[in-house]
């Protein structure tokens, strides 16, 4: 099962509903990207990739 190597998120499970209200189990897969971080190839989700280059937030006083 593919998951993010940075945050550990994995695919979600849910139900797809038809017009007749029959449920079938479906999976919502992550948007995984292969990126080189600190010289290592990693599978990173797009959410982590967006926050990778941002400076850390400062605490309010």
C-alpha atoms as a PDB file:
ATOM      1  CA  UNK A   1       0.000   0.000   0.000  1.00  0.00           C
ATOM      2  CA  UNK A   2       1.480   3.328  -1.051  1.00  0.00           C
ATOM      3  CA  UNK A   3       1.766   5.970   1.634  1.00  0.00           C
ATOM      4  CA  UNK A   4       3.608   9.234   2.180  1.00  0.00           C
ATOM      5  CA  UNK A   5       7.120   8.679   3.509  1.00  0.00           C
ATOM      6  CA  UNK A   6       7.146  12.044   5.277  1.00  0.00           C
ATOM      7  CA  UNK A   7       3.819  12.221   7.138  1.00  0.00           C
ATOM      8  CA  UNK A   8       2.683   8.573   6.907  1.00  0.00           C
ATOM      9  CA  UNK A   9      -0.724   9.285   5.359  1.00  0.00           C
ATOM     10  CA  UNK A  10      -2.326   6.359   3.532  1.00  0.00           C
ATOM     11  CA  UNK A  11      -5.370   6.018   1.241  1.00  0.00           C
ATOM     12  CA  UNK A  12      -8.859   6.567   2.677  1.00  0.00           C
ATOM     13  CA  UNK A  13     -11.778   4.147   2.392  1.00  0.00           C
ATOM     14  CA  UNK A  14     -15.294   5.275   1.675  1.00  0.00           C
ATOM     15  CA  UNK A  15     -18.482   4.308  -0.079  1.00  0.00           C
ATOM     16  CA  UNK A  16     -19.504   5.212  -3.610  1.00  0.00           C
ATOM     17  CA  UNK A  17     -23.279   5.575  -3.799  1.00  0.00           C
ATOM     18  CA  UNK A  18     -25.216   4.865  -6.993  1.00  0.00           C
ATOM     19  CA  UNK A  19     -28.586   6.364  -7.949  1.00  0.00           C
ATOM     20  CA  UNK A  20     -30.290   3.298  -6.478  1.00  0.00           C
ATOM     21  CA  UNK A  21     -28.366   3.941  -3.206  1.00  0.00           C
ATOM     22  CA  UNK A  22     -26.241   0.783  -3.532  1.00  0.00           C
ATOM     23  CA  UNK A  23     -22.919   1.236  -1.784  1.00  0.00           C
ATOM     24  CA  UNK A  24     -19.617  -0.078  -3.095  1.00  0.00           C
ATOM     25  CA  UNK A  25     -16.350   0.392  -1.251  1.00  0.00           C
ATOM     26  CA  UNK A  26     -13.931   2.748  -2.991  1.00  0.00           C
ATOM     27  CA  UNK A  27     -10.507   4.071  -2.117  1.00  0.00           C
ATOM     28  CA  UNK A  28      -9.373   7.689  -2.298  1.00  0.00           C
ATOM     29  CA  UNK A  29      -5.709   7.478  -3.186  1.00  0.00           C
ATOM     30  CA  UNK A  30      -3.152  10.126  -2.273  1.00  0.00           C
ATOM     31  CA  UNK A  31      -1.518  12.406  -4.799  1.00  0.00           C
ATOM     32  CA  UNK A  32       1.971  10.934  -4.402  1.00  0.00           C
ATOM     33  CA  UNK A  33       4.962  12.507  -6.116  1.00  0.00           C
ATOM     34  CA  UNK A  34       8.504  11.130  -6.384  1.00  0.00           C
ATOM     35  CA  UNK A  35      10.914  13.823  -5.206  1.00  0.00           C
ATOM     36  CA  UNK A  36      14.534  13.920  -4.159  1.00  0.00           C
ATOM     37  CA  UNK A  37      14.799  15.302  -0.614  1.00  0.00           C
ATOM     38  CA  UNK A  38      18.240  15.626   0.992  1.00  0.00           C
ATOM     39  CA  UNK A  39      19.718  13.291  -1.634  1.00  0.00           C
ATOM     40  CA  UNK A  40      17.119  10.517  -1.143  1.00  0.00           C
ATOM     41  CA  UNK A  41      14.251   9.650  -3.472  1.00  0.00           C
ATOM     42  CA  UNK A  42      10.989   9.740  -1.544  1.00  0.00           C
ATOM     43  CA  UNK A  43       7.277   9.317  -2.241  1.00  0.00           C
ATOM     44  CA  UNK A  44       5.734  12.492  -0.837  1.00  0.00           C
ATOM     45  CA  UNK A  45       2.080  13.537  -0.904  1.00  0.00           C
ATOM     46  CA  UNK A  46       1.271  16.852  -2.570  1.00  0.00           C
ATOM     47  CA  UNK A  47       0.267  18.361   0.783  1.00  0.00           C
ATOM     48  CA  UNK A  48       3.742  17.715   2.252  1.00  0.00           C
ATOM     49  CA  UNK A  49       5.362  18.891  -0.964  1.00  0.00           C
ATOM     50  CA  UNK A  50       3.627  22.261  -0.664  1.00  0.00           C
ATOM     51  CA  UNK A  51       4.784  22.737   2.923  1.00  0.00           C
ATOM     52  CA  UNK A  52       8.310  21.419   2.276  1.00  0.00           C
ATOM     53  CA  UNK A  53       9.763  24.715   1.060  1.00  0.00           C
ATOM     54  CA  UNK A  54       7.849  27.007   3.420  1.00  0.00           C
ATOM     55  CA  UNK A  55       9.646  28.464   6.426  1.00  0.00           C
ATOM     56  CA  UNK A  56       8.388  27.216   9.806  1.00  0.00           C
ATOM     57  CA  UNK A  57       5.646  29.280  11.426  1.00  0.00           C
ATOM     58  CA  UNK A  58       6.547  31.552  14.291  1.00  0.00           C
ATOM     59  CA  UNK A  59       4.535  31.461  17.495  1.00  0.00           C
ATOM     60  CA  UNK A  60       2.480  34.512  18.362  1.00  0.00           C
ATOM     61  CA  UNK A  61       3.360  36.320  21.560  1.00  0.00           C
END
